[in-house]
Each structure stands twice: as structure tokens, then as C-alpha cells.
PDB file of N, CA and C in Angstrom:
ATOM      1  N   MET A   1     -72.734  16.103 -35.530  1.00  0.00           N
ATOM      2  CA  MET A   1     -73.445  15.643 -36.453  1.00  0.00           C
ATOM      3  C   MET A   1     -75.136  15.216 -35.384  1.00  0.00           C
ATOM      4  N   TYR A   2     -76.011  16.334 -35.444  1.00  0.00           N
ATOM      5  CA  TYR A   2     -77.035  16.338 -34.916  1.00  0.00           C
ATOM      6  C   TYR A   2     -77.953  15.176 -35.146  1.00  0.00           C
ATOM      7  N   SER A   3     -78.241  14.053 -34.259  1.00  0.00           N
ATOM      8  CA  SER A   3     -79.213  12.753 -35.196  1.00  0.00           C
ATOM      9  C   SER A   3     -80.267  12.868 -34.303  1.00  0.00           C
ATOM     10  N   TYR A   4     -81.943  12.926 -34.994  1.00  0.00           N
ATOM     11  CA  TYR A   4     -82.918  12.883 -34.744  1.00  0.00           C
ATOM     12  C   TYR A   4     -83.562  11.973 -33.750  1.00  0.00           C
ATOM     13  N   TYR A   5     -84.027  11.370 -33.160  1.00  0.00           N
ATOM     14  CA  TYR A   5     -84.129  10.299 -32.746  1.00  0.00           C
ATOM     15  C   TYR A   5     -86.096  10.678 -32.891  1.00  0.00           C
ATOM     16  N   THR A   6     -86.308   8.754 -32.937  1.00  0.00           N
ATOM     17  CA  THR A   6     -87.751   8.788 -33.679  1.00  0.00           C
ATOM     18  C   THR A   6     -88.582   7.752 -32.338  1.00  0.00           C
ATOM     19  N   ASP A   7     -88.432   6.540 -33.270  1.00  0.00           N
ATOM     20  CA  ASP A   7     -89.366   5.631 -32.896  1.00  0.00           C
ATOM     21  C   ASP A   7     -88.997   4.683 -31.673  1.00  0.00           C
ATOM     22  N   THR A   8     -88.968   4.811 -30.607  1.00  0.00           N
ATOM     23  CA  THR A   8     -88.828   3.803 -29.359  1.00  0.00           C
ATOM     24  C   THR A   8     -89.277   2.710 -28.842  1.00  0.00           C
ATOM     25  N   TYR A   9     -88.362   1.752 -28.607  1.00  0.00           N
ATOM     26  CA  TYR A   9     -88.611   0.386 -28.462  1.00  0.00           C
ATOM     27  C   TYR A   9     -88.630  -0.356 -27.168  1.00  0.00           C
ATOM     28  N   PHE A  10     -89.101  -1.324 -26.070  1.00  0.00           N
ATOM     29  CA  PHE A  10     -88.655  -2.214 -25.369  1.00  0.00           C
ATOM     30  C   PHE A  10     -88.620  -3.570 -26.473  1.00  0.00           C
ATOM     31  N   TYR A  11     -86.928  -4.108 -26.354  1.00  0.00           N
ATOM     32  CA  TYR A  11     -87.056  -4.895 -26.835  1.00  0.00           C
ATOM     33  C   TYR A  11     -86.406  -5.732 -26.583  1.00  0.00           C
ATOM     34  N   THR A  12     -86.392  -7.404 -26.707  1.00  0.00           N
ATOM     35  CA  THR A  12     -86.000  -8.710 -25.681  1.00  0.00           C
ATOM     36  C   THR A  12     -85.632  -9.169 -26.865  1.00  0.00           C
ATOM     37  N   ALA A  13     -84.164  -9.284 -26.292  1.00  0.00           N
ATOM     38  CA  ALA A  13     -83.684 -11.277 -26.896  1.00  0.00           C
ATOM     39  C   ALA A  13     -83.478 -12.154 -26.196  1.00  0.00           C
ATOM     40  N   THR A  14     -83.472 -13.092 -26.461  1.00  0.00           N
ATOM     41  CA  THR A  14     -83.319 -14.325 -25.789  1.00  0.00           C
ATOM     42  C   THR A  14     -82.168 -15.058 -25.818  1.00  0.00           C
ATOM     43  N   ILE A  15     -81.303 -15.546 -25.399  1.00  0.00           N
ATOM     44  CA  ILE A  15     -80.423 -16.965 -25.498  1.00  0.00           C
ATOM     45  C   ILE A  15     -80.778 -18.295 -26.356  1.00  0.00           C
ATOM     46  N   ASN A  16     -80.384 -18.791 -27.354  1.00  0.00           N
ATOM     47  CA  ASN A  16     -80.839 -19.729 -27.393  1.00  0.00           C
ATOM     48  C   ASN A  16     -81.528 -20.846 -26.641  1.00  0.00           C
ATOM     49  N   LYS A  17     -82.542 -21.741 -26.653  1.00  0.00           N
ATOM     50  CA  LYS A  17     -82.646 -22.698 -25.681  1.00  0.00           C
ATOM     51  C   LYS A  17     -82.787 -22.538 -24.215  1.00  0.00           C
ATOM     52  N   TRP A  18     -82.625 -20.583 -24.382  1.00  0.00           N
ATOM     53  CA  TRP A  18     -82.331 -20.175 -23.027  1.00  0.00           C
ATOM     54  C   TRP A  18     -81.491 -20.748 -21.334  1.00  0.00           C
ATOM     55  N   GLN A  19     -80.656 -20.687 -22.544  1.00  0.00           N
ATOM     56  CA  GLN A  19     -78.992 -21.296 -21.754  1.00  0.00           C
ATOM     57  C   GLN A  19     -78.702 -20.479 -20.944  1.00  0.00           C
ATOM     58  N   ARG A  20     -78.115 -20.386 -19.438  1.00  0.00           N
ATOM     59  CA  ARG A  20     -77.694 -19.123 -18.629  1.00  0.00           C
ATOM     60  C   ARG A  20     -76.059 -18.590 -18.804  1.00  0.00           C
ATOM     61  N   LEU A  21     -76.043 -18.213 -20.615  1.00  0.00           N
ATOM     62  CA  LEU A  21     -75.091 -18.042 -20.330  1.00  0.00           C
ATOM     63  C   LEU A  21     -74.714 -16.715 -19.655  1.00  0.00           C
ATOM     64  N   LEU A  22     -75.641 -15.504 -19.477  1.00  0.00           N
ATOM     65  CA  LEU A  22     -74.866 -14.260 -19.024  1.00  0.00           C
ATOM     66  C   LEU A  22     -75.023 -13.782 -17.759  1.00  0.00           C
ATOM     67  N   ASP A  23     -74.712 -15.123 -16.899  1.00  0.00           N
ATOM     68  CA  ASP A  23     -74.248 -15.699 -15.212  1.00  0.00           C
ATOM     69  C   ASP A  23     -72.518 -15.424 -15.335  1.00  0.00           C
ATOM     70  N   ASN A  24     -72.085 -15.022 -15.519  1.00  0.00           N
ATOM     71  CA  ASN A  24     -71.024 -14.851 -16.088  1.00  0.00           C
ATOM     72  C   ASN A  24     -70.398 -12.925 -16.596  1.00  0.00           C
ATOM     73  N   ASP A  25     -69.928 -12.929 -15.628  1.00  0.00           N
ATOM     74  CA  ASP A  25     -69.568 -11.300 -15.563  1.00  0.00           C
ATOM     75  C   ASP A  25     -68.448 -10.792 -17.098  1.00  0.00           C
ATOM     76  N   GLU A  26     -67.863 -11.419 -17.642  1.00  0.00           N
ATOM     77  CA  GLU A  26     -67.224 -11.216 -18.835  1.00  0.00           C
ATOM     78  C   GLU A  26     -68.718 -11.488 -19.845  1.00  0.00           C
ATOM     79  N   HIS A  27     -69.773 -12.409 -20.006  1.00  0.00           N
ATOM     80  CA  HIS A  27     -70.352 -12.390 -21.068  1.00  0.00           C
ATOM     81  C   HIS A  27     -71.769 -10.748 -20.889  1.00  0.00           C
ATOM     82  N   LYS A  28     -71.770 -10.278 -19.225  1.00  0.00           N
ATOM     83  CA  LYS A  28     -72.371  -9.312 -19.170  1.00  0.00           C
ATOM     84  C   LYS A  28     -71.578  -7.934 -20.016  1.00  0.00           C
ATOM     85  N   GLN A  29     -70.640  -7.917 -19.979  1.00  0.00           N
ATOM     86  CA  GLN A  29     -69.559  -6.615 -20.071  1.00  0.00           C
ATOM     87  C   GLN A  29     -69.955  -6.477 -21.857  1.00  0.00           C
ATOM     88  N   ILE A  30     -69.432  -8.294 -22.617  1.00  0.00           N
ATOM     89  CA  ILE A  30     -70.114  -7.825 -24.076  1.00  0.00           C
ATOM     90  C   ILE A  30     -71.050  -7.261 -24.070  1.00  0.00           C
ATOM     91  N   ILE A  31     -72.339  -7.279 -23.366  1.00  0.00           N
ATOM     92  CA  ILE A  31     -73.714  -7.068 -23.792  1.00  0.00           C
ATOM     93  C   ILE A  31     -73.103  -5.296 -23.573  1.00  0.00           C
ATOM     94  N   ILE A  32     -73.010  -4.871 -22.661  1.00  0.00           N
ATOM     95  CA  ILE A  32     -72.954  -3.003 -21.905  1.00  0.00           C
ATOM     96  C   ILE A  32     -72.128  -2.736 -23.112  1.00  0.00           C
ATOM     97  N   ASP A  33     -70.879  -3.588 -23.287  1.00  0.00           N
ATOM     98  CA  ASP A  33     -69.689  -2.901 -24.422  1.00  0.00           C
ATOM     99  C   ASP A  33     -70.388  -2.267 -26.120  1.00  0.00           C
ATOM    100  N   SER A  34     -71.325  -3.528 -26.448  1.00  0.00           N
ATOM    101  CA  SER A  34     -71.968  -2.915 -27.712  1.00  0.00           C
ATOM    102  C   SER A  34     -73.229  -2.240 -27.564  1.00  0.00           C
ATOM    103  N   LEU A  35     -74.239  -1.724 -26.048  1.00  0.00           N
ATOM    104  CA  LEU A  35     -74.526  -0.280 -25.835  1.00  0.00           C
ATOM    105  C   LEU A  35     -73.732   0.087 -25.495  1.00  0.00           C
ATOM    106  N   LYS A  36     -72.752   0.898 -25.543  1.00  0.00           N
ATOM    107  CA  LYS A  36     -71.898   1.824 -24.907  1.00  0.00           C
ATOM    108  C   LYS A  36     -72.160   2.210 -26.442  1.00  0.00           C
ATOM    109  N   PHE A  37     -71.165   1.252 -27.812  1.00  0.00           N
ATOM    110  CA  PHE A  37     -70.514   1.782 -29.102  1.00  0.00           C
ATOM    111  C   PHE A  37     -72.003   1.661 -29.572  1.00  0.00           C
ATOM    112  N   CYS A  38     -73.221   1.570 -29.399  1.00  0.00           N
ATOM    113  CA  CYS A  38     -74.943   1.881 -30.071  1.00  0.00           C
ATOM    114  C   CYS A  38     -74.734   3.678 -29.810  1.00  0.00           C
ATOM    115  N   VAL A  39     -74.231   3.708 -28.257  1.00  0.00           N
ATOM    116  CA  VAL A  39     -74.877   5.242 -28.037  1.00  0.00           C
ATOM    117  C   VAL A  39     -73.365   6.014 -28.447  1.00  0.00           C
ATOM    118  N   GLN A  40     -72.293   5.346 -28.147  1.00  0.00           N
ATOM    119  CA  GLN A  40     -71.227   6.567 -29.093  1.00  0.00           C
ATOM    120  C   GLN A  40     -71.300   7.661 -30.071  1.00  0.00           C
ATOM    121  N   LYS A  41     -72.140   6.273 -30.978  1.00  0.00           N
ATOM    122  CA  LYS A  41     -72.283   6.544 -32.820  1.00  0.00           C
ATOM    123  C   LYS A  41     -73.519   6.942 -33.040  1.00  0.00           C
ATOM    124  N   GLU A  42     -74.589   7.245 -32.027  1.00  0.00           N
ATOM    125  CA  GLU A  42     -75.627   7.949 -32.767  1.00  0.00           C
ATOM    126  C   GLU A  42     -76.439   7.390 -32.854  1.00  0.00           C
ATOM    127  N   ARG A  43     -76.412   6.095 -32.319  1.00  0.00           N
ATOM    128  CA  ARG A  43     -77.502   5.179 -32.801  1.00  0.00           C
ATOM    129  C   ARG A  43     -78.410   4.377 -32.399  1.00  0.00           C
ATOM    130  N   ILE A  44     -78.918   4.866 -31.336  1.00  0.00           N
ATOM    131  CA  ILE A  44     -79.317   4.419 -30.193  1.00  0.00           C
ATOM    132  C   ILE A  44     -79.153   5.419 -29.276  1.00  0.00           C
ATOM    133  N   GLN A  45     -80.719   6.014 -28.342  1.00  0.00           N
ATOM    134  CA  GLN A  45     -81.100   6.477 -27.107  1.00  0.00           C
ATOM    135  C   GLN A  45     -80.770   5.499 -26.508  1.00  0.00           C
ATOM    136  N   LEU A  46     -79.927   5.446 -24.912  1.00  0.00           N
ATOM    137  CA  LEU A  46     -80.576   3.882 -24.312  1.00  0.00           C
ATOM    138  C   LEU A  46     -81.233   4.652 -23.145  1.00  0.00           C
ATOM    139  N   HIS A  47     -82.288   4.484 -22.915  1.00  0.00           N
ATOM    140  CA  HIS A  47     -83.292   4.462 -21.839  1.00  0.00           C
ATOM    141  C   HIS A  47     -82.719   4.050 -20.566  1.00  0.00           C
ATOM    142  N   GLY A  48     -82.873   2.598 -20.969  1.00  0.00           N
ATOM    143  CA  GLY A  48     -82.859   1.647 -20.161  1.00  0.00           C
ATOM    144  C   GLY A  48     -82.196   0.079 -20.308  1.00  0.00           C
ATOM    145  N   PHE A  49     -81.657  -0.671 -19.315  1.00  0.00           N
ATOM    146  CA  PHE A  49     -81.746  -2.003 -19.546  1.00  0.00           C
ATOM    147  C   PHE A  49     -81.711  -3.123 -18.959  1.00  0.00           C
ATOM    148  N   VAL A  50     -81.858  -3.998 -19.011  1.00  0.00           N
ATOM    149  CA  VAL A  50     -81.890  -4.873 -17.820  1.00  0.00           C
ATOM    150  C   VAL A  50     -81.248  -6.555 -18.224  1.00  0.00           C
ATOM    151  N   ILE A  51     -79.569  -6.910 -18.065  1.00  0.00           N
ATOM    152  CA  ILE A  51     -79.566  -8.529 -18.176  1.00  0.00           C
ATOM    153  C   ILE A  51     -79.650  -9.443 -17.415  1.00  0.00           C
ATOM    154  N   MET A  52     -80.298  -9.775 -17.851  1.00  0.00           N
ATOM    155  CA  MET A  52     -80.883 -11.018 -16.959  1.00  0.00           C
ATOM    156  C   MET A  52     -79.769 -12.544 -17.657  1.00  0.00           C
ATOM    157  N   PRO A  53     -80.123 -13.364 -16.284  1.00  0.00           N
ATOM    158  CA  PRO A  53     -78.910 -15.145 -16.969  1.00  0.00           C
ATOM    159  C   PRO A  53     -79.584 -15.076 -18.601  1.00  0.00           C
ATOM    160  N   ASN A  54     -81.010 -15.325 -19.158  1.00  0.00           N
ATOM    161  CA  ASN A  54     -80.977 -15.827 -19.900  1.00  0.00           C
ATOM    162  C   ASN A  54     -81.169 -15.139 -20.798  1.00  0.00           C
ATOM    163  N   HIS A  55     -81.344 -13.612 -20.891  1.00  0.00           N
ATOM    164  CA  HIS A  55     -82.171 -12.434 -21.675  1.00  0.00           C
ATOM    165  C   HIS A  55     -81.699 -11.553 -20.959  1.00  0.00           C
ATOM    166  N   ILE A  56     -82.355 -10.431 -22.258  1.00  0.00           N
ATOM    167  CA  ILE A  56     -81.934  -8.567 -21.869  1.00  0.00           C
ATOM    168  C   ILE A  56     -83.164  -8.068 -22.681  1.00  0.00           C
ATOM    169  N   HIS A  57     -83.531  -7.210 -22.200  1.00  0.00           N
ATOM    170  CA  HIS A  57     -84.316  -5.844 -22.310  1.00  0.00           C
ATOM    171  C   HIS A  57     -83.644  -4.837 -22.167  1.00  0.00           C
ATOM    172  N   LEU A  58     -83.981  -4.260 -23.726  1.00  0.00           N
ATOM    173  CA  LEU A  58     -83.993  -2.954 -23.924  1.00  0.00           C
ATOM    174  C   LEU A  58     -85.232  -2.276 -24.181  1.00  0.00           C
ATOM    175  N   LEU A  59     -84.691  -0.940 -23.614  1.00  0.00           N
ATOM    176  CA  LEU A  59     -85.509   0.421 -23.829  1.00  0.00           C
ATOM    177  C   LEU A  59     -84.148   1.628 -24.482  1.00  0.00           C
ATOM    178  N   VAL A  60     -84.739   1.231 -26.103  1.00  0.00           N
ATOM    179  CA  VAL A  60     -84.364   2.172 -27.014  1.00  0.00           C
ATOM    180  C   VAL A  60     -85.037   3.540 -27.817  1.00  0.00           C
ATOM    181  N   THR A  61     -84.498   3.893 -28.202  1.00  0.00           N
ATOM    182  CA  THR A  61     -85.242   4.851 -29.636  1.00  0.00           C
ATOM    183  C   THR A  61     -83.970   5.014 -30.192  1.00  0.00           C
ATOM    184  N   LEU A  62     -85.032   4.607 -31.527  1.00  0.00           N
ATOM    185  CA  LEU A  62     -83.691   5.076 -32.813  1.00  0.00           C
ATOM    186  C   LEU A  62     -83.401   6.403 -33.166  1.00  0.00           C
ATOM    187  N   THR A  63     -81.998   6.314 -34.114  1.00  0.00           N
ATOM    188  CA  THR A  63     -82.146   7.587 -34.658  1.00  0.00           C
ATOM    189  C   THR A  63     -82.852   7.336 -35.790  1.00  0.00           C
ATOM    190  N   ASP A  64     -83.226   8.832 -36.265  1.00  0.00           N
ATOM    191  CA  ASP A  64     -83.722   8.933 -37.846  1.00  0.00           C
ATOM    192  C   ASP A  64     -83.405   7.928 -38.543  1.00  0.00           C
ATOM    193  N   LYS A  65     -81.215   7.525 -38.644  1.00  0.00           N
ATOM    194  CA  LYS A  65     -81.178   7.163 -39.885  1.00  0.00           C
ATOM    195  C   LYS A  65     -80.764   5.501 -39.671  1.00  0.00           C
ATOM    196  N   GLU A  66     -81.596   4.654 -38.149  1.00  0.00           N
ATOM    197  CA  GLU A  66     -81.374   3.516 -37.718  1.00  0.00           C
ATOM    198  C   GLU A  66     -82.748   2.645 -38.297  1.00  0.00           C
ATOM    199  N   THR A  67     -82.528   1.878 -38.507  1.00  0.00           N
ATOM    200  CA  THR A  67     -83.783   0.905 -38.537  1.00  0.00           C
ATOM    201  C   THR A  67     -83.964  -0.138 -37.831  1.00  0.00           C
ATOM    202  N   GLN A  68     -85.179  -0.383 -37.161  1.00  0.00           N
ATOM    203  CA  GLN A  68     -85.194  -1.733 -36.322  1.00  0.00           C
ATOM    204  C   GLN A  68     -84.956  -2.652 -36.309  1.00  0.00           C
ATOM    205  N   GLU A  69     -84.921  -3.437 -37.862  1.00  0.00           N
ATOM    206  CA  GLU A  69     -84.221  -4.712 -37.924  1.00  0.00           C
ATOM    207  C   GLU A  69     -82.509  -4.075 -38.795  1.00  0.00           C
ATOM    208  N   ALA A  70     -81.891  -3.201 -38.834  1.00  0.00           N
ATOM    209  CA  ALA A  70     -80.858  -2.720 -39.147  1.00  0.00           C
ATOM    210  C   ALA A  70     -80.494  -3.051 -37.360  1.00  0.00           C
ATOM    211  N   PHE A  71     -80.930  -2.398 -36.389  1.00  0.00           N
ATOM    212  CA  PHE A  71     -80.286  -1.996 -35.201  1.00  0.00           C
ATOM    213  C   PHE A  71     -80.518  -3.270 -34.662  1.00  0.00           C
ATOM    214  N   GLN A  72     -81.392  -4.496 -34.258  1.00  0.00           N
ATOM    215  CA  GLN A  72     -81.392  -5.696 -33.980  1.00  0.00           C
ATOM    216  C   GLN A  72     -80.280  -6.464 -34.864  1.00  0.00           C
ATOM    217  N   ARG A  73     -79.976  -6.851 -36.243  1.00  0.00           N
ATOM    218  CA  ARG A  73     -79.324  -7.716 -36.580  1.00  0.00           C
ATOM    219  C   ARG A  73     -77.782  -6.847 -36.522  1.00  0.00           C
ATOM    220  N   ASP A  74     -77.444  -6.199 -36.309  1.00  0.00           N
ATOM    221  CA  ASP A  74     -76.296  -5.453 -35.512  1.00  0.00           C
ATOM    222  C   ASP A  74     -75.981  -6.218 -34.270  1.00  0.00           C
ATOM    223  N   PHE A  75     -76.766  -5.181 -33.521  1.00  0.00           N
ATOM    224  CA  PHE A  75     -76.927  -5.737 -31.830  1.00  0.00           C
ATOM    225  C   PHE A  75     -76.677  -7.340 -31.743  1.00  0.00           C
ATOM    226  N   LEU A  76     -76.996  -7.809 -32.134  1.00  0.00           N
ATOM    227  CA  LEU A  76     -77.107  -9.503 -32.188  1.00  0.00           C
ATOM    228  C   LEU A  76     -76.051 -10.268 -33.039  1.00  0.00           C
ATOM    229  N   LYS A  77     -75.339 -10.029 -33.920  1.00  0.00           N
ATOM    230  CA  LYS A  77     -73.603  -9.748 -34.230  1.00  0.00           C
ATOM    231  C   LYS A  77     -72.570  -9.202 -33.882  1.00  0.00           C
ATOM    232  N   PHE A  78     -72.753  -8.258 -32.920  1.00  0.00           N
ATOM    233  CA  PHE A  78     -71.786  -7.708 -32.770  1.00  0.00           C
ATOM    234  C   PHE A  78     -71.493  -8.298 -30.299  1.00  0.00           C
ATOM    235  N   THR A  79     -73.047  -9.325 -30.526  1.00  0.00           N
ATOM    236  CA  THR A  79     -72.810  -9.087 -29.274  1.00  0.00           C
ATOM    237  C   THR A  79     -72.356 -11.070 -29.529  1.00  0.00           C
ATOM    238  N   SER A  80     -73.353 -11.963 -30.195  1.00  0.00           N
ATOM    239  CA  SER A  80     -73.023 -13.099 -30.147  1.00  0.00           C
ATOM    240  C   SER A  80     -71.122 -13.631 -30.469  1.00  0.00           C
ATOM    241  N   HIS A  81     -70.572 -12.565 -31.750  1.00  0.00           N
ATOM    242  CA  HIS A  81     -69.377 -13.263 -31.933  1.00  0.00           C
ATOM    243  C   HIS A  81     -67.487 -13.423 -31.520  1.00  0.00           C
ATOM    244  N   PRO A  82     -68.282 -12.373 -30.125  1.00  0.00           N
ATOM    245  CA  PRO A  82     -67.056 -11.972 -29.204  1.00  0.00           C
ATOM    246  C   PRO A  82     -67.580 -12.933 -28.280  1.00  0.00           C
ATOM    247  N   LYS A  83     -68.599 -13.654 -28.093  1.00  0.00           N
ATOM    248  CA  LYS A  83     -69.191 -14.485 -27.049  1.00  0.00           C
ATOM    249  C   LYS A  83     -68.130 -15.842 -27.488  1.00  0.00           C
ATOM    250  N   ILE A  84     -68.531 -16.130 -29.012  1.00  0.00           N
ATOM    251  CA  ILE A  84     -68.075 -17.024 -29.395  1.00  0.00           C
ATOM    252  C   ILE A  84     -66.760 -17.654 -29.522  1.00  0.00           C
ATOM    253  N   ALA A  85     -65.658 -16.063 -29.665  1.00  0.00           N
ATOM    254  CA  ALA A  85     -64.266 -16.069 -30.082  1.00  0.00           C
ATOM    255  C   ALA A  85     -64.205 -16.813 -28.152  1.00  0.00           C
ATOM    256  N   THR A  86     -64.669 -16.418 -27.097  1.00  0.00           N
ATOM    257  CA  THR A  86     -64.417 -16.700 -25.554  1.00  0.00           C
ATOM    258  C   THR A  86     -64.898 -17.859 -25.768  1.00  0.00           C
ATOM    259  N   GLU A  87     -65.405 -18.867 -26.162  1.00  0.00           N
ATOM    260  CA  GLU A  87     -65.768 -20.074 -26.018  1.00  0.00           C
ATOM    261  C   GLU A  87     -65.050 -20.929 -26.714  1.00  0.00           C
ATOM    262  N   LYS A  88     -64.608 -20.378 -27.678  1.00  0.00           N
ATOM    263  CA  LYS A  88     -63.854 -21.182 -28.510  1.00  0.00           C
ATOM    264  C   LYS A  88     -62.917 -21.251 -27.693  1.00  0.00           C
ATOM    265  N   GLN A  89     -62.020 -20.693 -27.260  1.00  0.00           N
ATOM    266  CA  GLN A  89     -61.143 -20.197 -26.135  1.00  0.00           C
ATOM    267  C   GLN A  89     -61.436 -20.981 -25.110  1.00  0.00           C
ATOM    268  N   LYS A  90     -61.842 -22.130 -24.697  1.00  0.00           N
ATOM    269  CA  LYS A  90     -62.151 -22.556 -23.626  1.00  0.00           C
ATOM    270  C   LYS A  90     -61.744 -24.085 -23.961  1.00  0.00           C
ATOM    271  N   PRO A  91     -61.072 -24.485 -23.181  1.00  0.00           N
ATOM    272  CA  PRO A  91     -60.827 -26.376 -23.341  1.00  0.00           C
ATOM    273  C   PRO A  91     -61.983 -26.913 -23.326  1.00  0.00           C
ATOM    274  N   LEU A  92     -62.218 -28.494 -24.354  1.00  0.00           N
ATOM    275  CA  LEU A  92     -63.566 -28.621 -24.636  1.00  0.00           C
ATOM    276  C   LEU A  92     -63.583 -29.793 -22.728  1.00  0.00           C
ATOM    277  N   GLN A  93     -64.933 -29.709 -22.247  1.00  0.00           N
ATOM    278  CA  GLN A  93     -65.144 -30.433 -21.297  1.00  0.00           C
ATOM    279  C   GLN A  93     -65.622 -31.583 -21.367  1.00  0.00           C
ATOM    280  N   SER A  94     -65.608 -32.664 -20.756  1.00  0.00           N
ATOM    281  CA  SER A  94     -65.870 -34.124 -21.243  1.00  0.00           C
ATOM    282  C   SER A  94     -67.140 -34.301 -20.482  1.00  0.00           C
ATOM    283  N   LEU A  95     -67.833 -34.470 -21.200  1.00  0.00           N
ATOM    284  CA  LEU A  95     -69.960 -35.151 -20.741  1.00  0.00           C
ATOM    285  C   LEU A  95     -70.180 -35.680 -20.078  1.00  0.00           C
TER     286      LEU A  95
END
């Protein structure tokens, strides 16, 4: 099925309190896997992205069936859930 791409956005997402959670390559891979999924499902056309230690930048074009709010909601949901699961598996550290 052919999707028509319409609106292009420069999108930035920051991590709560600017924590440096994306220093870890496993956490970066969660972002990359989520972007690959969105491209494969023809939800977005990805023009470029940058992963910084505490935020990301995306340049995406949304399909005609995708809204900016839905993309943002789903992308943040899909990238935060694996991160939470990863953190829950780690032993608690002493303060």
C-alpha cells in the first residue's frame, strides 16, 4: 500500500531532568529500533536523526494517516517502556 507523505517536522525529545541516559549504546539501540519500526510500518519517512546523551533530534515526514500527536505519543511510549524494563533488571545501587 502506498502512503502519501505530507508534513515534515524537526522533532526534539529530552530526557526528564536532562539525565544522560543515552550514553549507553543499548539505550541508543532502543531509539534506533523504534525509528526502524516506524519507517517499516510506513508511519514516517526518516530524513535524519541525532542521538545526544540526554536528548534526540529527528527530521521526519509523517504519512497522511499519521498525526504529529500520535507519532510523538507512540514513539515516546515505545522507547520508554524497554528502558524502564532494562532499569528494573539492574540491582539497586547504594546511594
